[in-house]
């Protein structure tokens, strides 16, 4: 019987002929923690009476969620992380380096065919470059650091095929929001998403990261794509490691195959307070907003800011509205400065914060007030997600956010393109 990409990667890393439903113990290629989870992982490491990590070269901790530290308690956690990284000689990306899910592929820590874990639910992002990457708990991260291995239940695979060409004003964010709205927040629980189709082939690698990043929002373990020439070229620019790209067999067995015609979509919005509460932008056009946010591990890449800058060039953020931008890494921020997108956005009225997660998790930057509406490129809009349970978060593409802050209300970006 043929195998899916997920089955092949877990077979390769476990030395077992693994199929969906099997339990395997697999060797890990890389693992990450961030400042919101690594403190607990370090405590678990100590409780397991461990002295050394299995391989320091396969671990990184990224301080991105509360960067720089907003208070004394977080500073203590950051100090613990820095001391542990120095003690174990593992790679530390300190404040301002960027979001863990941009840093990991950008700095060449994963390549096609890899198996990667991270103590953060959006570790599934690297599936865009043909990596089986998945989020795990802090205790599992500690076990992985100690042994270099972890157990997995091989997931069934849901294949998603995006047919057709992307229409003007439709982006990868619109595609994944539409899928989550179709199948629901639990529509792919403990499955691997295998994502393909003409619309995907047309996209840049940066755009593909957006889709894989949000696989977890419909319950999936990972969101894997094939390693085509675009992926292989991107990886060659970022990593010195040899890739091992994996393709699904033609007779691979899928739990389900879903086809979506990208050409028929309009810009998508996820309404408060769940990611699967989606609709076309036409349904909510005119809804007043007080804050826009462009950034995060979902849409904080150069291409995202270029899209927004093209819309905002020569225009201003509306009175009574504000726009916060957070590049996903320091390298992206520098590229934005060279490109001119950074200046264009700031001149339009945007406020730039430290490369990292920014307002997304609500720990310090950009917490909205009671009753305020926010339109954001982030991946979650749960009640309280940005730090205030009495505010309302709408999710959209960078283009839709840019168009909306010009008008101070949710707007269709297509009229600005």
Protein backbone atom coordinates (compact mmCIF):
# COMPACT_ATOMS: atom_id res chain seq x y z
CA UNK A 1 0.00 0.00 0.00
CA UNK A 2 1.28 3.49 -0.87
CA UNK A 3 2.11 6.05 1.77
CA UNK A 4 1.40 9.69 2.45
CA UNK A 5 4.18 12.21 3.13
CA UNK A 6 3.53 11.99 6.89
CA UNK A 7 3.70 8.18 6.88
CA UNK A 8 6.96 8.23 4.92
CA UNK A 9 8.69 10.76 7.17
CA UNK A 10 7.70 8.92 10.35
CA UNK A 11 8.77 5.62 8.78
CA UNK A 12 12.16 7.06 7.84
CA UNK A 13 12.76 8.43 11.32
CA UNK A 14 11.57 5.38 13.25
CA UNK A 15 13.05 2.60 11.11
CA UNK A 16 9.57 1.07 10.99
CA UNK A 17 7.19 0.44 8.10
CA UNK A 18 4.71 2.86 9.63
CA UNK A 19 1.12 3.46 8.58
CA UNK A 20 -1.70 5.59 10.01
CA UNK A 21 -2.61 4.44 13.50
CA UNK A 22 0.80 2.94 14.33
CA UNK A 23 2.78 4.09 17.35
CA UNK A 24 6.44 4.83 16.61
CA UNK A 25 9.48 6.15 18.46
CA UNK A 26 11.25 8.46 16.06
CA UNK A 27 14.56 10.31 15.90
CA UNK A 28 14.21 14.09 15.91
CA UNK A 29 16.07 16.40 13.52
CA UNK A 30 15.41 19.59 15.47
CA UNK A 31 13.41 20.93 18.40
CA UNK A 32 12.52 24.40 19.62
CA UNK A 33 11.14 26.16 22.65
CA UNK A 34 10.00 29.73 23.22
CA UNK A 35 9.87 31.92 26.31
CA UNK A 36 6.25 31.07 27.06
CA UNK A 37 6.96 27.33 27.30
CA UNK A 38 10.69 26.79 27.81
CA UNK A 39 10.66 27.67 31.51
CA UNK A 40 8.38 24.69 32.18
CA UNK A 41 10.48 22.51 29.85
CA UNK A 42 13.62 23.40 31.81
CA UNK A 43 11.87 22.57 35.10
CA UNK A 44 10.79 19.22 33.63
CA UNK A 45 14.34 18.58 32.42
CA UNK A 46 15.56 19.05 36.01
CA UNK A 47 12.78 16.86 37.48
CA UNK A 48 13.81 14.06 35.12
CA UNK A 49 17.27 14.27 36.75
CA UNK A 50 18.87 14.97 33.38
CA UNK A 51 22.36 16.45 33.20
CA UNK A 52 22.88 16.97 29.47
CA UNK A 53 20.79 17.29 26.33
CA UNK A 54 21.32 14.56 23.73
CA UNK A 55 22.58 16.88 20.98
CA UNK A 56 22.91 20.65 21.55
CA UNK A 57 23.11 21.29 17.78
CA UNK A 58 19.52 20.08 17.37
CA UNK A 59 17.92 22.49 19.86
CA UNK A 60 17.12 26.19 19.89
CA UNK A 61 15.21 28.44 22.28
CA UNK A 62 13.76 31.67 20.95
CA UNK A 63 12.65 34.55 23.18
CA UNK A 64 9.80 35.98 21.13
CA UNK A 65 6.50 36.04 23.00
CA UNK A 66 7.36 38.71 25.57
CA UNK A 67 10.20 40.49 23.84
CA UNK A 68 11.57 42.65 25.38
CA UNK A 69 10.36 41.59 28.83
CA UNK A 70 7.32 43.55 30.05
CA UNK A 71 7.69 42.78 33.76
CA UNK A 72 9.84 41.33 36.54
CA UNK A 73 8.30 37.84 36.42
CA UNK A 74 8.95 37.42 32.70
CA UNK A 75 12.50 38.72 33.17
CA UNK A 76 13.13 35.91 35.66
CA UNK A 77 11.95 33.34 33.09
CA UNK A 78 14.19 34.92 30.44
CA UNK A 79 17.14 34.72 32.81
CA UNK A 80 16.42 31.02 33.46
CA UNK A 81 16.33 30.37 29.70
CA UNK A 82 19.58 32.23 29.04
CA UNK A 83 21.39 30.38 31.81
CA UNK A 84 20.10 26.98 30.63
CA UNK A 85 21.09 27.69 27.03
CA UNK A 86 24.61 28.67 28.12
CA UNK A 87 24.90 25.63 30.40
CA UNK A 88 23.77 23.18 27.71
CA UNK A 89 25.52 25.00 24.84
CA UNK A 90 22.30 25.18 22.83
CA UNK A 91 21.40 27.96 20.41
CA UNK A 92 19.62 30.95 21.95
CA UNK A 93 17.86 33.60 19.89
CA UNK A 94 17.39 36.48 22.28
CA UNK A 95 15.00 39.45 22.21
CA UNK A 96 14.56 41.08 18.83
CA UNK A 97 15.74 38.14 16.74
CA UNK A 98 12.19 37.29 15.74
CA UNK A 99 9.40 34.71 15.99
CA UNK A 100 10.44 31.08 16.54
CA UNK A 101 8.53 29.89 13.47
CA UNK A 102 10.30 32.35 11.19
CA UNK A 103 13.73 31.89 12.77
CA UNK A 104 13.74 28.07 12.56
CA UNK A 105 13.45 27.74 8.76
CA UNK A 106 15.07 31.12 8.01
CA UNK A 107 18.24 30.18 9.89
CA UNK A 108 18.40 26.79 8.18
CA UNK A 109 17.50 24.57 11.13
CA UNK A 110 15.08 22.41 9.12
CA UNK A 111 15.04 21.07 5.56
CA UNK A 112 12.65 18.91 3.48
CA UNK A 113 12.10 15.44 4.90
CA UNK A 114 12.87 16.46 8.49
CA UNK A 115 10.99 15.63 11.69
CA UNK A 116 10.75 18.63 14.01
CA UNK A 117 8.97 19.32 17.30
CA UNK A 118 8.38 22.56 19.13
CA UNK A 119 6.78 23.59 22.39
CA UNK A 120 4.43 25.88 20.51
CA UNK A 121 1.28 24.87 18.66
CA UNK A 122 2.23 26.65 15.43
CA UNK A 123 5.35 24.54 14.90
CA UNK A 124 3.33 23.07 12.00
CA UNK A 125 4.50 26.11 9.97
CA UNK A 126 7.54 24.30 8.51
CA UNK A 127 5.29 21.87 6.66
CA UNK A 128 5.42 24.46 3.86
CA UNK A 129 8.97 23.26 3.13
CA UNK A 130 8.11 19.54 3.32
CA UNK A 131 8.88 19.07 7.03
CA UNK A 132 6.77 16.96 9.42
CA UNK A 133 6.72 19.57 12.19
CA UNK A 134 4.30 19.58 15.07
CA UNK A 135 3.64 21.27 18.38
CA UNK A 136 4.11 19.37 21.63
CA UNK A 137 3.93 20.12 25.36
CA UNK A 138 6.80 21.38 27.48
CA UNK A 139 7.31 18.00 29.17
CA UNK A 140 7.59 16.29 25.78
CA UNK A 141 10.15 18.92 24.76
CA UNK A 142 12.20 18.06 27.85
CA UNK A 143 12.02 14.34 26.98
CA UNK A 144 13.04 15.10 23.41
CA UNK A 145 16.00 17.21 24.52
CA UNK A 146 17.19 14.41 26.81
CA UNK A 147 16.74 11.47 24.42
CA UNK A 148 16.76 12.99 20.94
CA UNK A 149 13.59 10.97 20.27
CA UNK A 150 9.85 11.16 20.82
CA UNK A 151 6.87 8.87 20.36
CA UNK A 152 4.21 9.58 17.75
CA UNK A 153 0.93 8.09 16.68
CA UNK A 154 1.11 8.14 12.89
CA UNK A 155 -1.76 10.38 11.77
CA UNK A 156 -4.29 9.76 9.05
CA UNK A 157 -4.00 12.29 6.24
CA UNK A 158 -6.58 14.72 4.89
CA UNK A 159 -5.57 15.91 1.43
CA UNK A 160 -6.56 19.43 0.38
CA UNK A 161 -6.27 20.42 -3.28
CA UNK A 162 -6.58 24.12 -4.16
CA UNK A 163 -7.53 24.26 -7.83
CA UNK A 164 -7.43 27.24 -10.15
CA UNK A 165 -5.58 30.54 -10.10
CA UNK A 166 -5.71 33.05 -7.29
CA UNK A 167 -7.92 35.99 -8.29
CA UNK A 168 -6.83 39.56 -7.70
CA UNK A 169 -6.95 40.39 -3.99
CA UNK A 170 -7.00 36.75 -2.83
CA UNK A 171 -4.03 35.48 -0.84
CA UNK A 172 -2.89 32.39 1.02
CA UNK A 173 -4.53 33.67 4.22
CA UNK A 174 -7.89 33.69 2.44
CA UNK A 175 -7.41 30.09 1.32
CA UNK A 176 -6.66 28.73 4.78
CA UNK A 177 -9.41 30.75 6.48
CA UNK A 178 -11.87 29.38 3.94
CA UNK A 179 -10.77 25.79 4.62
CA UNK A 180 -11.05 26.19 8.39
CA UNK A 181 -14.52 27.66 7.95
CA UNK A 182 -15.54 24.71 5.77
CA UNK A 183 -14.35 21.85 8.00
CA UNK A 184 -14.47 23.52 11.43
CA UNK A 185 -11.97 23.95 14.24
CA UNK A 186 -11.94 20.18 14.86
CA UNK A 187 -12.30 19.09 11.23
CA UNK A 188 -8.81 17.60 10.99
CA UNK A 189 -8.09 16.70 14.61
CA UNK A 190 -4.93 14.58 14.87
CA UNK A 191 -4.67 14.33 11.09
CA UNK A 192 -1.91 15.46 8.79
CA UNK A 193 -3.03 17.99 6.20
CA UNK A 194 -1.35 17.32 2.85
CA UNK A 195 -1.80 20.47 0.79
CA UNK A 196 -1.40 20.68 -3.00
CA UNK A 197 -2.87 22.11 -6.18
CA UNK A 198 -2.29 24.69 -8.89
CA UNK A 199 -3.01 27.60 -6.56
CA UNK A 200 -0.31 26.38 -4.16
CA UNK A 201 2.21 25.86 -6.98
CA UNK A 202 1.68 29.48 -8.01
CA UNK A 203 2.48 30.82 -4.52
CA UNK A 204 5.79 31.91 -3.09
CA UNK A 205 7.25 29.90 -0.22
CA UNK A 206 6.51 32.81 2.12
CA UNK A 207 2.83 32.60 1.19
CA UNK A 208 2.81 28.84 1.73
CA UNK A 209 4.10 29.26 5.29
CA UNK A 210 0.86 31.12 6.08
CA UNK A 211 -1.24 28.09 5.15
CA UNK A 212 0.87 25.50 7.00
CA UNK A 213 1.02 27.77 10.04
CA UNK A 214 -2.75 27.61 10.48
CA UNK A 215 -3.13 23.84 10.06
CA UNK A 216 -3.47 23.58 13.84
CA UNK A 217 -6.53 25.86 13.72
CA UNK A 218 -8.56 22.97 12.28
CA UNK A 219 -6.96 20.49 14.68
CA UNK A 220 -4.27 19.08 12.37
CA UNK A 221 -0.93 17.75 13.59
CA UNK A 222 0.88 19.25 10.62
CA UNK A 223 0.26 20.90 7.25
CA UNK A 224 2.69 19.39 4.75
CA UNK A 225 3.37 20.45 1.18
CA UNK A 226 5.63 18.94 -1.46
CA UNK A 227 9.16 20.22 -2.06
CA UNK A 228 8.96 21.71 -5.55
CA UNK A 229 11.67 23.83 -7.19
CA UNK A 230 10.55 26.96 -5.32
CA UNK A 231 10.97 25.16 -1.99
CA UNK A 232 14.32 23.63 -2.91
CA UNK A 233 15.66 27.00 -4.09
CA UNK A 234 14.42 28.69 -0.90
CA UNK A 235 15.98 26.02 1.32
CA UNK A 236 19.31 26.21 -0.55
CA UNK A 237 19.49 29.93 0.27
CA UNK A 238 18.83 29.36 3.97
CA UNK A 239 20.45 26.08 4.97
CA UNK A 240 23.71 24.21 4.45
CA UNK A 241 22.08 20.90 5.37
CA UNK A 242 21.25 18.34 2.71
CA UNK A 243 17.48 18.09 2.15
CA UNK A 244 15.65 14.79 1.78
CA UNK A 245 12.40 15.76 0.01
CA UNK A 246 9.47 13.37 0.36
CA UNK A 247 6.55 12.87 -2.03
CA UNK A 248 3.38 10.92 -1.42
CA UNK A 249 2.91 7.71 -3.38
CA UNK A 250 0.34 7.79 -6.16
CA UNK A 251 -1.64 5.09 -4.37
CA UNK A 252 -1.38 6.70 -0.94
CA UNK A 253 -4.44 6.20 1.25
CA UNK A 254 -6.17 9.37 2.45
CA UNK A 255 -8.88 9.75 5.07
CA UNK A 256 -10.54 12.29 2.78
CA UNK A 257 -9.73 14.49 -0.23
CA UNK A 258 -11.15 18.02 -0.35
CA UNK A 259 -10.99 20.17 -3.49
CA UNK A 260 -11.40 23.94 -3.31
CA UNK A 261 -11.63 26.23 -6.33
CA UNK A 262 -9.45 29.18 -5.38
CA UNK A 263 -10.71 31.17 -8.37
CA UNK A 264 -14.17 31.42 -6.81
CA UNK A 265 -13.13 32.90 -3.46
CA UNK A 266 -13.52 36.43 -2.19
CA UNK A 267 -11.34 37.87 0.60
CA UNK A 268 -12.08 35.98 3.82
CA UNK A 269 -12.64 37.13 7.39
CA UNK A 270 -12.72 35.12 10.63
CA UNK A 271 -15.19 36.84 12.94
CA UNK A 272 -14.95 36.83 16.76
CA UNK A 273 -14.37 34.66 18.72
CA UNK A 274 -13.37 31.52 16.78
CA UNK A 275 -11.15 30.98 13.74
CA UNK A 276 -13.77 28.83 12.01
CA UNK A 277 -16.39 31.61 12.22
CA UNK A 278 -15.52 32.70 8.69
CA UNK A 279 -17.27 34.63 5.96
CA UNK A 280 -16.56 36.60 2.82
CA UNK A 281 -15.47 40.19 3.42
CA UNK A 282 -18.70 41.46 1.82
CA UNK A 283 -20.64 40.19 4.85
CA UNK A 284 -18.77 42.44 7.31
CA UNK A 285 -17.72 45.42 5.17
CA UNK A 286 -18.26 48.64 7.12
CA UNK A 287 -17.70 47.16 10.59
CA UNK A 288 -15.82 49.89 12.53
CA UNK A 289 -12.30 49.03 13.69
CA UNK A 290 -10.01 50.80 16.11
CA UNK A 291 -6.80 48.81 15.57
CA UNK A 292 -5.07 46.90 12.79
CA UNK A 293 -2.16 44.52 13.23
CA UNK A 294 0.15 43.09 10.55
CA UNK A 295 2.72 40.55 11.69
CA UNK A 296 3.12 37.25 13.60
CA UNK A 297 4.34 33.83 12.45
CA UNK A 298 1.36 33.78 10.08
CA UNK A 299 1.82 36.98 8.08
CA UNK A 300 4.92 38.80 9.27
CA UNK A 301 7.13 38.20 6.23
CA UNK A 302 8.53 40.65 3.67
CA UNK A 303 5.92 39.76 1.06
CA UNK A 304 3.12 40.51 3.55
CA UNK A 305 4.48 43.97 4.31
CA UNK A 306 5.07 44.70 0.63
CA UNK A 307 1.40 43.89 -0.08
CA UNK A 308 0.29 46.24 2.71
CA UNK A 309 2.75 48.97 1.69
CA UNK A 310 1.50 48.92 -1.92
CA UNK A 311 -2.02 49.62 -0.63
CA UNK A 312 -1.01 52.23 1.96
CA UNK A 313 1.53 54.13 -0.16
CA UNK A 314 0.55 57.78 -0.26
CA UNK A 315 -2.37 57.17 2.10
CA UNK A 316 -2.89 57.49 5.85
CA UNK A 317 -4.30 55.36 8.62
CA UNK A 318 -7.74 56.77 9.42
CA UNK A 319 -8.25 59.10 12.37
CA UNK A 320 -9.42 57.12 15.38
CA UNK A 321 -7.65 54.01 14.10
CA UNK A 322 -4.11 52.71 14.65
CA UNK A 323 -1.90 50.20 12.85
CA UNK A 324 0.79 48.12 14.53
CA UNK A 325 3.36 46.18 12.52
CA UNK A 326 5.72 43.48 13.84
CA UNK A 327 8.26 41.93 11.43
CA UNK A 328 8.62 38.19 12.02
CA UNK A 329 12.42 38.49 12.24
CA UNK A 330 15.24 41.01 12.39
CA UNK A 331 16.29 39.94 8.89
CA UNK A 332 12.80 40.69 7.59
CA UNK A 333 12.87 44.12 9.26
CA UNK A 334 16.20 44.89 7.56
CA UNK A 335 14.80 43.68 4.22
CA UNK A 336 11.75 45.93 4.73
CA UNK A 337 14.06 48.90 5.30
CA UNK A 338 16.05 48.13 2.13
CA UNK A 339 12.86 47.54 0.14
CA UNK A 340 11.21 50.76 1.34
CA UNK A 341 8.13 49.00 2.72
CA UNK A 342 9.11 49.90 6.30
CA UNK A 343 9.27 53.63 5.55
CA UNK A 344 6.06 53.54 3.50
CA UNK A 345 4.13 51.91 6.35
CA UNK A 346 5.52 54.23 9.03
CA UNK A 347 4.80 57.28 6.88
CA UNK A 348 1.21 56.04 6.53
CA UNK A 349 0.90 56.00 10.33
CA UNK A 350 1.97 52.49 11.30
CA UNK A 351 3.74 51.92 14.62
CA UNK A 352 6.55 49.34 14.40
CA UNK A 353 7.35 47.12 17.39
CA UNK A 354 10.22 44.70 18.09
CA UNK A 355 10.57 41.78 15.68
CA UNK A 356 8.74 38.93 17.39
CA UNK A 357 5.19 37.98 18.29
CA UNK A 358 4.15 41.55 19.08
CA UNK A 359 0.48 42.03 20.08
CA UNK A 360 -0.57 38.50 19.06
CA UNK A 361 -0.49 36.83 22.48
CA UNK A 362 -1.48 39.91 24.47
CA UNK A 363 1.43 39.93 26.92
CA UNK A 364 2.41 43.57 26.46
CA UNK A 365 2.28 45.30 23.06
CA UNK A 366 -0.95 46.65 21.59
CA UNK A 367 -3.55 45.39 24.07
CA UNK A 368 -6.94 46.71 22.87
CA UNK A 369 -9.45 48.40 25.13
CA UNK A 370 -12.92 47.21 26.12
CA UNK A 371 -15.31 47.05 23.20
CA UNK A 372 -12.66 47.75 20.56
CA UNK A 373 -12.56 45.90 17.25
CA UNK A 374 -9.20 44.73 15.92
CA UNK A 375 -8.44 43.43 12.44
CA UNK A 376 -5.35 41.26 12.50
CA UNK A 377 -3.20 38.98 10.33
CA UNK A 378 -2.61 36.67 13.31
CA UNK A 379 -3.80 33.05 13.49
CA UNK A 380 -6.19 33.23 16.44
CA UNK A 381 -9.05 35.45 17.53
CA UNK A 382 -10.16 33.72 20.75
CA UNK A 383 -11.70 35.86 23.46
CA UNK A 384 -8.81 37.52 25.31
CA UNK A 385 -6.20 36.45 22.76
CA UNK A 386 -4.65 39.93 22.46
CA UNK A 387 -4.87 40.58 26.19
CA UNK A 388 -8.43 41.82 26.66
CA UNK A 389 -11.45 39.46 26.76
CA UNK A 390 -13.74 42.44 26.21
CA UNK A 391 -12.39 43.26 22.75
CA UNK A 392 -13.19 41.68 19.38
CA UNK A 393 -10.66 40.28 16.90
CA UNK A 394 -11.26 39.79 13.18
CA UNK A 395 -8.66 37.83 11.17
CA UNK A 396 -7.77 38.70 7.59
CA UNK A 397 -4.98 38.95 5.03
CA UNK A 398 -2.43 41.82 5.12
CA UNK A 399 -4.22 43.37 2.13
CA UNK A 400 -7.56 43.39 3.92
CA UNK A 401 -5.99 44.83 7.08
CA UNK A 402 -4.27 47.58 5.09
CA UNK A 403 -7.47 48.52 3.26
CA UNK A 404 -9.43 48.51 6.50
CA UNK A 405 -7.13 50.85 8.44
CA UNK A 406 -7.37 53.38 5.61
CA UNK A 407 -11.13 53.54 6.08
CA UNK A 408 -11.31 52.85 9.82
CA UNK A 409 -13.73 50.06 9.04
CA UNK A 410 -13.48 46.61 7.46
CA UNK A 411 -12.95 47.10 3.73
CA UNK A 412 -12.59 44.99 0.61
CA UNK A 413 -8.92 45.27 -0.48
CA UNK A 414 -9.68 44.66 -4.14
CA UNK A 415 -10.67 48.28 -4.74
CA UNK A 416 -7.18 49.39 -3.69
CA UNK A 417 -5.28 47.03 -6.00
